[in-house]
Amino acid sequence: MTRRFYEILIPTITFNIILFPVWMSFFKPHWVAYFIIAFDLYFFYKSVTVAFYAVLSYKRIAYANTLDFPKLLQDKKLKHKASEILHLIVIPNYKEPLHILEKTLNKVLESDYPFKDKIYVVLAFEEREEAAREKYQLLEKKFSSNLRLLATYHKILPGEVVGKASNQSYAVKKVCEQFQKKQIDIAKVLVTVCDADSLLSKNYLSYLTYKFLNDSQRDFHFYWAPLLLYNNFEVLPFFVRLQATISSILRLAFLSQEDKLIQISTYSVNLKLLKNIGFWDTDIIPEDWHIYLQAFLKYGPRVKTVPVYTLLSGDAVYAGSVWNTFFNRYEQEKRWAWGVTDVIYFLENFWKSKVGFFDKLKKLIYVTETHLLWPTTFFIVTISANIPPLVNQHFAKTTFGFYLPKISAFILTMSTLFLIVYIYIDFKIRHKLNKKMKVSHIPFYFIQWYALPVISFLLSALPALEAHTRLFLNKKIEYKVTEKV
C-alpha cells in the first residue's frame, strides 16, 4: 500500500472516533453509550496511572539524588572504563538568543562528571543563519578554555526537511568521521542531544555513564531523563504555565513506565547505534520517537529507552506578548502532533522489517494509540455523552439515555480528583528546581486549574486535530523555531 493511503487512513480513523457518537446515535445509541462509558473508564484508569507513576518517578529521583555517582565511577572496577567514555553533547540551534546558549553551556560546566576532558560540545548551527559564525566566535572566546567546543554549519540539501533532525544528523556524521579518523572507538562515545535551552542536571553525565557501563545491552539502548518546562516558569502567561505543568508531570510519569518508555526532546544514545541505523532521517520533523523506531525496526525489542532518574529543565514557550506566546505554543504543539507521521513510517516499514510480527504489532498499537488519543480524548470525555440523547429522542426517554450524561460526568469528576496529586508533585518539583512563586500568585495558581478543559482544547486537541487534518489533505507543516525572549 502507498504512503498516501496511510496518510488518509490514520486521520480518517481520528475523524471517525470524534464523530462516532453523532452518526452512530441515529442507529445504535446503546452502542455509543457503552463506548463512551468504556472510554471514560479508560480515561479514569489513565488518570490513576499518571498519578501513580509520577509519584513513583519522583521517589526514584529523590533516591538517585542520594547516590554519589562521581565516586561510584572512580571505584576500582569502573574507573578505567569510565575514563574511556567520551561524551558528545550536541546542541542543534537556529537563531537562538546568545544568552540562552550561554546558559546551557554554563550548565554543562557545572557537571560533577569526574573526567571533564572527555566532554565535547557541538554547536550545530544552520548555514543559512547569517550570524552563526559570529555567534560561535563569541561562545568560543568565552568557553573554549573550559570546554571542548566544536561547530558545524548545516546546509539544507535536496530532499531534506528544515529542522532538528537534518541539522543534528549532519553534525553527528561530521564528528563521527573525525573520531573514526582519530581511531576513537565510537562504541565508547555517548551522544546527548539537547535543545538549545536544555539544562542538564549536575549529576546527569555521571549518572548516565554509570548507567551505561552497567548496562549489558547498551549498544541497543537510548537513555532519557525528563526535560521539565520550568526554566521560565515565573514569567509565563497562565495558559502556558498550566500546560507546561501538565506536560512536565506527564513526562515524569512516563519515566518509570519502563516497558513503554520512548525518549522525548533531550536524550542520550551510543554513537555506534546511531551509525548502524544511518543516523537521523533527514526528511522528517519530529525526530525523538522516529529515531527510536528506526532502531526498533532494525533490532526489535532489544531496543529500549532506559530511564535516568534525574531532572533536566527547559524553557516553556514565551514570546513576550500574550498573543505571540499563544500562537507560538499552538505551533509548537502542532509540530509535536505531526509525530503522527511516525505511525505512517511504521506502517510503511512494517513488512520490510525482519523483527518478529507480534513485537512489531505491539509497538505499532502503542504508537498508534498515543497519536489517536491526542486529538480525540477531549471530545469524547467532555461532550460526547450529551450527544446520543440529543440526536436520538427515543433513546433520550430511556433510563440509560437519561443517566448517560450523569454517569460520564461522575467518572470524569473522579478522574479530576487526581489533579490534587499533580498539584502536589508540581510544588515539589518547583521546590527542587528552586522555582518559587510569589505569595500573591498562589490563589490564582489554584484557580487556573478550572481553565484546564479550555486550555486542553485550544493548545492540545485543536493543534493535534489540525496536524491530522493537514496529513489527510497532504498539506505538510514547516518547522518553525519556537520564539524565545
Protein backbone atom coordinates (compact mmCIF):
# COMPACT_ATOMS: atom_id res chain seq x y z
CA MET A 1 0.00 0.00 0.00
CA THR A 2 1.24 3.51 -0.76
CA ARG A 3 2.25 6.11 1.80
CA ARG A 4 -0.61 8.33 0.65
CA PHE A 5 -3.13 5.61 1.56
CA TYR A 6 -1.81 5.55 5.15
CA GLU A 7 -1.80 9.36 5.29
CA ILE A 8 -5.52 9.28 4.56
CA LEU A 9 -6.29 6.22 6.70
CA ILE A 10 -4.97 7.44 10.07
CA PRO A 11 -6.73 10.86 10.05
CA THR A 12 -9.89 9.16 8.81
CA ILE A 13 -9.83 6.94 11.90
CA THR A 14 -9.32 10.07 14.02
CA PHE A 15 -12.31 11.86 12.48
CA ASN A 16 -14.49 8.77 12.83
CA ILE A 17 -13.65 8.40 16.52
CA ILE A 18 -14.69 12.01 17.13
CA LEU A 19 -17.85 11.77 15.02
CA PHE A 20 -18.82 8.23 16.05
CA PRO A 21 -21.21 9.41 18.83
CA VAL A 22 -23.03 11.59 16.28
CA TRP A 23 -23.66 9.28 13.35
CA MET A 24 -23.98 6.02 15.28
CA SER A 25 -26.50 7.53 17.73
CA PHE A 26 -29.10 7.55 14.95
CA PHE A 27 -28.86 3.77 14.61
CA LYS A 28 -27.36 2.20 17.75
CA PRO A 29 -27.37 4.74 20.61
CA HIS A 30 -26.77 1.97 23.17
CA TRP A 31 -23.53 1.02 21.41
CA VAL A 32 -22.42 4.65 21.59
CA ALA A 33 -23.30 4.81 25.28
CA TYR A 34 -21.27 1.72 26.09
CA PHE A 35 -18.37 3.10 24.05
CA ILE A 36 -18.46 6.42 25.93
CA ILE A 37 -18.61 4.79 29.36
CA ALA A 38 -15.79 2.39 28.42
CA PHE A 39 -13.68 5.30 27.21
CA ASP A 40 -14.45 7.32 30.35
CA LEU A 41 -13.32 4.37 32.48
CA TYR A 42 -10.19 4.12 30.38
CA PHE A 43 -9.57 7.84 30.95
CA PHE A 44 -10.03 7.27 34.68
CA TYR A 45 -7.50 4.43 34.54
CA LYS A 46 -5.03 6.68 32.73
CA SER A 47 -5.51 9.38 35.38
CA VAL A 48 -4.77 6.85 38.12
CA THR A 49 -1.66 5.52 36.38
CA VAL A 50 -0.28 9.01 35.64
CA ALA A 51 -0.64 9.98 39.30
CA PHE A 52 0.89 6.70 40.48
CA TYR A 53 3.86 6.74 38.13
CA ALA A 54 4.54 10.45 38.65
CA VAL A 55 4.86 9.81 42.39
CA LEU A 56 6.94 6.69 41.77
CA SER A 57 9.31 8.56 39.44
CA TYR A 58 9.67 11.40 41.92
CA LYS A 59 10.58 8.98 44.70
CA ARG A 60 13.14 7.24 42.49
CA ILE A 61 14.65 10.61 41.58
CA ALA A 62 14.87 11.51 45.25
CA TYR A 63 16.69 8.23 45.93
CA ALA A 64 19.06 8.69 42.98
CA ASN A 65 19.99 12.12 44.32
CA THR A 66 21.41 10.44 47.43
CA LEU A 67 23.93 8.49 45.32
CA ASP A 68 27.41 9.84 44.66
CA PHE A 69 27.87 8.92 41.00
CA PRO A 70 31.30 10.58 40.58
CA LYS A 71 32.55 8.47 43.47
CA LEU A 72 30.98 5.33 42.03
CA LEU A 73 32.70 5.99 38.70
CA GLN A 74 36.06 6.25 40.42
CA ASP A 75 35.68 2.86 42.03
CA LYS A 76 38.44 0.42 41.08
CA LYS A 77 36.08 -1.70 38.98
CA LEU A 78 34.78 1.21 36.89
CA LYS A 79 37.42 3.93 36.87
CA HIS A 80 39.34 2.71 33.82
CA LYS A 81 36.18 2.00 31.80
CA ALA A 82 34.65 5.34 32.81
CA SER A 83 37.77 7.25 31.79
CA GLU A 84 37.42 5.79 28.28
CA ILE A 85 33.87 7.06 27.77
CA LEU A 86 33.64 10.17 25.63
CA HIS A 87 30.60 12.44 25.84
CA LEU A 88 29.40 14.32 22.79
CA ILE A 89 26.77 16.92 23.66
CA VAL A 90 25.02 18.12 20.51
CA ILE A 91 23.03 21.37 20.57
CA PRO A 92 21.18 21.94 17.27
CA ASN A 93 20.07 25.56 17.06
CA TYR A 94 18.85 28.24 14.70
CA LYS A 95 18.67 31.94 15.60
CA GLU A 96 18.74 31.10 19.30
CA PRO A 97 19.48 34.09 21.55
CA LEU A 98 23.09 34.11 22.67
CA HIS A 99 22.15 34.28 26.36
CA ILE A 100 20.20 31.02 26.08
CA LEU A 101 23.17 29.17 24.58
CA GLU A 102 25.46 30.65 27.23
CA LYS A 103 23.13 29.46 29.97
CA THR A 104 23.10 25.94 28.51
CA LEU A 105 26.90 25.82 28.24
CA ASN A 106 27.33 27.15 31.77
CA LYS A 107 25.15 24.30 33.00
CA VAL A 108 27.45 21.79 31.28
CA LEU A 109 30.37 23.39 33.13
CA GLU A 110 28.60 22.73 36.46
CA SER A 111 28.58 18.98 35.79
CA ASP A 112 30.09 16.80 38.52
CA TYR A 113 31.45 14.40 35.88
CA PRO A 114 34.98 13.48 37.04
CA PHE A 115 36.52 13.22 33.53
CA LYS A 116 35.67 16.63 32.11
CA ASP A 117 38.39 16.43 29.48
CA LYS A 118 36.20 13.76 27.84
CA ILE A 119 33.30 16.14 27.24
CA TYR A 120 32.83 17.64 23.76
CA VAL A 121 30.09 20.14 22.95
CA VAL A 122 28.95 20.50 19.34
CA LEU A 123 27.08 23.68 18.47
CA ALA A 124 25.13 22.60 15.41
CA PHE A 125 24.30 25.79 13.52
CA GLU A 126 22.42 26.23 10.26
CA GLU A 127 24.40 27.64 7.32
CA ARG A 128 21.52 29.99 6.46
CA GLU A 129 21.82 31.82 9.79
CA GLU A 130 23.97 34.83 8.92
CA ALA A 131 25.09 35.47 12.49
CA ALA A 132 26.02 31.83 13.22
CA ARG A 133 29.80 32.13 12.79
CA GLU A 134 29.99 35.36 14.73
CA LYS A 135 27.91 33.79 17.49
CA TYR A 136 30.24 30.79 17.65
CA GLN A 137 33.30 33.04 17.87
CA LEU A 138 31.80 34.80 20.89
CA LEU A 139 30.96 31.50 22.58
CA GLU A 140 34.35 30.02 21.76
CA LYS A 141 36.11 33.03 23.25
CA LYS A 142 34.11 32.69 26.46
CA PHE A 143 34.06 28.90 26.91
CA SER A 144 36.94 27.30 24.98
CA SER A 145 39.28 27.41 27.97
CA ASN A 146 36.89 25.16 29.93
CA LEU A 147 35.01 23.22 27.25
CA ARG A 148 35.96 21.37 24.10
CA LEU A 149 33.75 23.28 21.69
CA LEU A 150 33.08 22.26 18.10
CA ALA A 151 30.83 23.86 15.49
CA THR A 152 29.07 22.60 12.39
CA TYR A 153 27.12 24.58 9.80
CA HIS A 154 24.39 22.58 8.14
CA LYS A 155 23.32 23.41 4.61
CA ILE A 156 19.91 22.10 3.58
CA LEU A 157 20.24 19.57 0.76
CA PRO A 158 17.57 18.47 -1.76
CA GLY A 159 15.17 16.05 -0.09
CA GLU A 160 15.95 17.29 3.42
CA VAL A 161 13.43 18.96 5.70
CA VAL A 162 14.39 22.02 7.72
CA GLY A 163 14.57 21.14 11.41
CA LYS A 164 16.37 19.48 14.26
CA ALA A 165 16.70 16.05 12.62
CA SER A 166 18.56 17.11 9.49
CA ASN A 167 20.78 19.51 11.45
CA GLN A 168 21.91 17.10 14.16
CA SER A 169 22.28 14.25 11.67
CA TYR A 170 24.74 16.37 9.69
CA ALA A 171 26.58 17.44 12.85
CA VAL A 172 26.96 13.97 14.34
CA LYS A 173 28.01 12.45 11.00
CA LYS A 174 30.77 15.05 10.69
CA VAL A 175 32.06 14.46 14.21
CA CYS A 176 31.79 10.68 13.80
CA GLU A 177 34.01 10.89 10.71
CA GLN A 178 36.58 12.90 12.67
CA PHE A 179 36.54 10.45 15.57
CA GLN A 180 36.99 7.46 13.29
CA LYS A 181 39.94 9.16 11.57
CA LYS A 182 41.48 9.53 15.02
CA GLN A 183 40.69 5.84 15.65
CA ILE A 184 38.36 6.64 18.52
CA ASP A 185 36.11 3.69 19.39
CA ILE A 186 32.61 5.02 18.64
CA ALA A 187 31.12 2.27 20.84
CA LYS A 188 32.54 4.29 23.75
CA VAL A 189 31.03 7.61 22.64
CA LEU A 190 27.75 8.71 24.22
CA VAL A 191 25.84 11.29 22.20
CA THR A 192 23.48 13.55 24.15
CA VAL A 193 21.07 15.55 22.01
CA CYS A 194 19.92 18.76 23.68
CA ASP A 195 17.56 21.53 22.75
CA ALA A 196 19.23 24.93 22.90
CA ASP A 197 17.58 25.65 26.26
CA SER A 198 18.05 22.19 27.80
CA LEU A 199 19.79 22.49 31.16
CA LEU A 200 21.43 19.22 32.16
CA SER A 201 21.34 18.40 35.84
CA LYS A 202 24.63 18.45 37.71
CA ASN A 203 24.70 14.65 38.02
CA TYR A 204 23.35 13.80 34.54
CA LEU A 205 26.62 12.85 32.81
CA SER A 206 27.93 10.94 35.82
CA TYR A 207 24.64 9.10 36.30
CA LEU A 208 24.37 8.41 32.56
CA THR A 209 27.90 7.00 32.41
CA TYR A 210 27.28 4.78 35.43
CA LYS A 211 24.04 3.52 33.92
CA PHE A 212 25.68 2.94 30.54
CA LEU A 213 28.65 0.99 31.90
CA ASN A 214 26.38 -1.29 33.94
CA ASP A 215 24.05 -1.95 31.01
CA SER A 216 24.77 -5.24 29.24
CA GLN A 217 22.57 -4.16 26.29
CA ARG A 218 23.98 -0.63 25.99
CA ASP A 219 24.62 -0.98 22.25
CA PHE A 220 20.84 -1.04 21.68
CA HIS A 221 19.58 1.43 24.29
CA PHE A 222 18.58 5.07 24.44
CA TYR A 223 18.78 6.90 27.78
CA TRP A 224 16.34 9.55 28.91
CA ALA A 225 15.73 11.90 31.81
CA PRO A 226 12.60 14.08 31.65
CA LEU A 227 13.03 17.65 30.47
CA LEU A 228 10.62 19.63 32.65
CA LEU A 229 9.48 23.06 31.44
CA TYR A 230 10.29 25.17 34.48
CA ASN A 231 13.21 27.43 33.45
CA ASN A 232 10.99 30.48 32.87
CA PHE A 233 8.03 29.38 34.99
CA GLU A 234 7.61 32.72 36.79
CA VAL A 235 7.10 34.83 33.62
CA LEU A 236 4.68 32.59 31.74
CA PRO A 237 1.06 33.54 30.97
CA PHE A 238 -1.21 31.28 32.97
CA PHE A 239 -2.39 29.20 29.99
CA VAL A 240 1.18 28.23 29.05
CA ARG A 241 2.18 27.73 32.67
CA LEU A 242 -0.76 25.38 33.20
CA GLN A 243 0.02 23.32 30.14
CA ALA A 244 3.75 23.29 30.91
CA THR A 245 2.89 21.90 34.34
CA ILE A 246 0.71 19.12 32.90
CA SER A 247 3.32 18.31 30.25
CA SER A 248 6.08 18.12 32.87
CA ILE A 249 4.06 15.80 35.13
CA LEU A 250 3.19 13.54 32.19
CA ARG A 251 6.88 13.29 31.29
CA LEU A 252 7.67 12.48 34.90
CA ALA A 253 5.03 9.73 34.84
CA PHE A 254 6.42 8.28 31.60
CA LEU A 255 9.85 7.91 33.18
CA SER A 256 9.04 4.94 35.41
CA GLN A 257 6.87 3.14 32.82
CA GLU A 258 9.97 1.40 31.55
CA ASP A 259 8.26 -1.12 29.25
CA LYS A 260 6.59 1.66 27.24
CA LEU A 261 9.20 4.39 27.56
CA ILE A 262 10.29 6.25 24.42
CA GLN A 263 12.50 9.31 24.76
CA ILE A 264 11.32 12.88 24.23
CA SER A 265 13.32 16.02 23.38
CA THR A 266 16.66 15.57 25.20
CA TYR A 267 18.22 12.10 25.32
CA SER A 268 21.44 10.10 25.00
CA VAL A 269 22.48 7.19 22.81
CA ASN A 270 25.58 5.28 21.80
CA LEU A 271 27.25 6.69 18.67
CA LYS A 272 27.72 3.16 17.37
CA LEU A 273 23.94 2.59 17.36
CA LEU A 274 23.37 5.88 15.56
CA LYS A 275 25.86 4.98 12.86
CA ASN A 276 24.42 1.47 12.45
CA ILE A 277 20.93 2.84 11.74
CA GLY A 278 22.17 5.62 9.45
CA PHE A 279 21.77 8.48 11.95
CA TRP A 280 18.53 10.52 11.91
CA ASP A 281 16.36 10.50 8.81
CA THR A 282 16.63 13.97 7.30
CA ASP A 283 13.18 14.19 5.70
CA ILE A 284 11.17 14.29 8.94
CA ILE A 285 10.32 16.93 11.57
CA PRO A 286 9.67 15.20 14.94
CA GLU A 287 12.81 13.12 15.49
CA ASP A 288 12.85 11.69 19.01
CA TRP A 289 10.31 8.86 18.59
CA HIS A 290 11.34 8.47 14.97
CA ILE A 291 14.98 7.63 15.74
CA TYR A 292 13.74 5.10 18.30
CA LEU A 293 11.53 3.48 15.66
CA GLN A 294 14.40 3.45 13.17
CA ALA A 295 16.38 1.38 15.68
CA PHE A 296 13.42 -0.78 16.73
CA LEU A 297 12.54 -1.78 13.17
CA LYS A 298 16.12 -2.95 12.68
CA TYR A 299 16.92 -4.58 16.02
CA GLY A 300 13.49 -5.29 17.56
CA PRO A 301 12.72 -5.45 21.29
CA ARG A 302 16.40 -5.23 22.21
CA VAL A 303 15.93 -1.52 21.56
CA LYS A 304 14.68 0.22 24.68
CA THR A 305 14.74 3.61 26.32
CA VAL A 306 16.36 3.34 29.74
CA PRO A 307 15.21 5.84 32.41
CA VAL A 308 17.75 8.12 34.06
CA TYR A 309 16.24 9.32 37.34
CA THR A 310 17.26 12.93 37.43
CA LEU A 311 15.57 16.18 36.40
CA LEU A 312 16.52 18.30 33.38
CA SER A 313 14.85 21.64 32.83
CA GLY A 314 13.96 23.69 29.77
CA ASP A 315 12.01 26.75 28.72
CA ALA A 316 8.29 26.70 28.09
CA VAL A 317 7.16 28.86 25.20
CA TYR A 318 7.34 32.56 25.99
CA ALA A 319 7.40 35.16 23.22
CA GLY A 320 6.78 38.35 25.20
CA SER A 321 3.19 39.29 24.44
CA VAL A 322 0.27 37.06 25.38
CA TRP A 323 -0.89 36.64 21.78
CA ASN A 324 2.58 35.81 20.39
CA THR A 325 3.09 33.33 23.22
CA PHE A 326 -0.26 31.68 22.50
CA PHE A 327 0.48 31.47 18.75
CA ASN A 328 3.97 30.03 19.31
CA ARG A 329 2.67 27.48 21.80
CA TYR A 330 -0.05 26.40 19.36
CA GLU A 331 2.52 25.97 16.59
CA GLN A 332 4.82 24.00 18.88
CA GLU A 333 2.03 21.59 19.84
CA LYS A 334 1.08 21.18 16.19
CA ARG A 335 4.70 20.35 15.37
CA TRP A 336 4.81 17.75 18.15
CA ALA A 337 1.49 16.28 16.97
CA TRP A 338 2.97 15.97 13.49
CA GLY A 339 4.67 12.96 15.06
CA VAL A 340 1.60 11.11 13.78
CA THR A 341 3.78 10.69 10.67
CA ASP A 342 5.74 8.14 12.75
CA VAL A 343 2.68 5.88 12.52
CA ILE A 344 2.86 6.21 8.72
CA TYR A 345 6.59 5.43 8.80
CA PHE A 346 5.96 2.35 10.95
CA LEU A 347 3.17 1.08 8.65
CA GLU A 348 5.34 1.62 5.57
CA ASN A 349 8.17 -0.41 7.05
CA PHE A 350 6.12 -2.99 8.96
CA TRP A 351 6.51 -5.79 6.41
CA LYS A 352 10.02 -4.77 5.37
CA SER A 353 11.35 -5.17 8.90
CA LYS A 354 12.62 -8.60 9.93
CA VAL A 355 11.61 -8.05 13.56
CA GLY A 356 9.10 -10.58 14.95
CA PHE A 357 5.49 -9.95 13.90
CA PHE A 358 3.99 -9.70 17.40
CA ASP A 359 6.84 -7.47 18.65
CA LYS A 360 6.15 -5.08 15.77
CA LEU A 361 2.39 -5.27 16.24
CA LYS A 362 2.61 -4.47 19.95
CA LYS A 363 4.79 -1.43 19.30
CA LEU A 364 2.61 -0.28 16.41
CA ILE A 365 -0.50 -0.42 18.59
CA TYR A 366 1.16 1.65 21.30
CA VAL A 367 2.44 4.32 18.89
CA THR A 368 -0.90 4.49 17.07
CA GLU A 369 -2.90 4.64 20.30
CA THR A 370 -0.81 7.57 21.54
CA HIS A 371 -1.37 9.60 18.39
CA LEU A 372 -5.06 8.77 18.07
CA LEU A 373 -5.83 9.72 21.66
CA TRP A 374 -4.13 13.11 21.32
CA PRO A 375 -6.78 14.83 19.15
CA THR A 376 -9.78 12.72 20.21
CA THR A 377 -9.79 12.38 24.01
CA PHE A 378 -11.04 15.91 24.72
CA PHE A 379 -14.15 15.45 22.56
CA ILE A 380 -15.08 12.05 23.97
CA VAL A 381 -14.71 12.87 27.66
CA THR A 382 -16.28 16.34 27.56
CA ILE A 383 -19.20 16.46 25.11
CA SER A 384 -19.90 13.03 23.62
CA ALA A 385 -22.12 11.78 26.50
CA ASN A 386 -24.65 14.51 25.69
CA ILE A 387 -24.88 13.60 22.01
CA PRO A 388 -26.90 10.30 21.97
CA PRO A 389 -29.86 11.72 23.97
CA LEU A 390 -29.74 14.89 21.89
CA VAL A 391 -29.60 13.15 18.50
CA ASN A 392 -31.96 10.25 19.29
CA GLN A 393 -35.08 11.37 21.12
CA HIS A 394 -36.28 7.79 21.66
CA PHE A 395 -33.02 6.95 23.45
CA ALA A 396 -33.33 10.17 25.50
CA LYS A 397 -36.57 8.85 27.01
CA THR A 398 -34.93 5.64 28.23
CA THR A 399 -33.37 5.24 31.67
CA PHE A 400 -29.97 4.66 30.07
CA GLY A 401 -30.31 7.80 27.95
CA PHE A 402 -31.27 9.86 30.97
CA TYR A 403 -28.38 8.66 33.14
CA LEU A 404 -25.62 8.51 30.48
CA PRO A 405 -24.50 12.18 30.87
CA LYS A 406 -24.62 11.82 34.67
CA ILE A 407 -22.56 8.60 34.68
CA SER A 408 -20.00 10.14 32.33
CA ALA A 409 -19.79 13.33 34.42
CA PHE A 410 -19.30 11.30 37.60
CA ILE A 411 -16.40 9.30 36.11
CA LEU A 412 -14.81 12.48 34.76
CA THR A 413 -15.16 14.15 38.17
CA MET A 414 -13.48 11.19 39.85
CA SER A 415 -10.67 11.45 37.30
CA THR A 416 -10.09 15.12 38.04
CA LEU A 417 -9.57 14.38 41.73
CA PHE A 418 -6.08 13.22 40.79
CA LEU A 419 -5.26 16.83 39.93
CA ILE A 420 -4.51 17.11 43.65
CA VAL A 421 -1.60 14.73 43.14
CA TYR A 422 -0.43 16.71 40.10
CA ILE A 423 -0.51 19.97 42.07
CA TYR A 424 1.49 18.39 44.89
CA ILE A 425 4.11 16.94 42.53
CA ASP A 426 4.34 20.27 40.72
CA PHE A 427 5.00 22.03 44.03
CA LYS A 428 7.73 19.52 44.97
CA ILE A 429 9.43 19.80 41.58
CA ARG A 430 9.44 23.58 41.64
CA HIS A 431 10.91 23.49 45.13
CA LYS A 432 13.64 21.09 43.97
CA LEU A 433 14.42 23.32 40.96
CA ASN A 434 14.28 26.43 43.13
CA LYS A 435 11.38 27.93 41.19
CA LYS A 436 9.42 29.88 43.76
CA MET A 437 6.05 31.56 43.38
CA LYS A 438 5.05 34.91 44.78
CA VAL A 439 2.60 34.65 47.68
CA SER A 440 0.17 36.93 45.84
CA HIS A 441 0.08 34.48 42.92
CA ILE A 442 -0.84 31.41 44.97
CA PRO A 443 -4.66 31.88 44.90
CA PHE A 444 -4.60 32.34 41.12
CA TYR A 445 -2.40 29.26 40.79
CA PHE A 446 -5.25 27.11 42.17
CA ILE A 447 -7.97 28.96 40.26
CA GLN A 448 -6.19 28.47 36.93
CA TRP A 449 -6.86 24.70 37.05
CA TYR A 450 -10.52 25.42 36.33
CA ALA A 451 -9.41 26.58 32.87
CA LEU A 452 -7.83 23.20 32.11
CA PRO A 453 -10.63 21.97 29.77
CA VAL A 454 -10.46 25.14 27.66
CA ILE A 455 -6.66 25.12 27.55
CA SER A 456 -6.62 21.42 26.69
CA PHE A 457 -8.89 22.11 23.74
CA LEU A 458 -7.09 25.20 22.41
CA LEU A 459 -3.50 24.10 22.97
CA SER A 460 -3.66 20.31 22.69
CA ALA A 461 -6.70 18.82 20.93
CA LEU A 462 -7.09 21.59 18.33
CA PRO A 463 -3.46 21.76 17.11
CA ALA A 464 -3.30 17.95 17.08
CA LEU A 465 -6.50 17.84 15.05
CA GLU A 466 -5.03 20.39 12.62
CA ALA A 467 -1.93 18.20 12.24
CA HIS A 468 -4.11 15.18 11.39
CA THR A 469 -6.22 17.29 9.00
CA ARG A 470 -3.11 18.54 7.23
CA LEU A 471 -1.91 14.97 6.90
CA PHE A 472 -5.26 13.99 5.37
CA LEU A 473 -5.13 16.92 2.92
CA ASN A 474 -1.43 16.40 2.15
CA LYS A 475 -0.64 19.90 3.50
CA LYS A 476 2.69 19.33 5.22
CA ILE A 477 3.77 21.61 8.03
CA GLU A 478 7.03 23.53 8.11
CA TYR A 479 9.43 23.53 11.02
CA LYS A 480 9.17 26.84 12.88
CA VAL A 481 11.65 27.58 15.63
CA THR A 482 9.81 28.41 18.84
CA GLU A 483 10.41 32.07 19.65
CA LYS A 484 12.14 32.79 22.95
CA VAL A 485 12.83 36.04 24.76
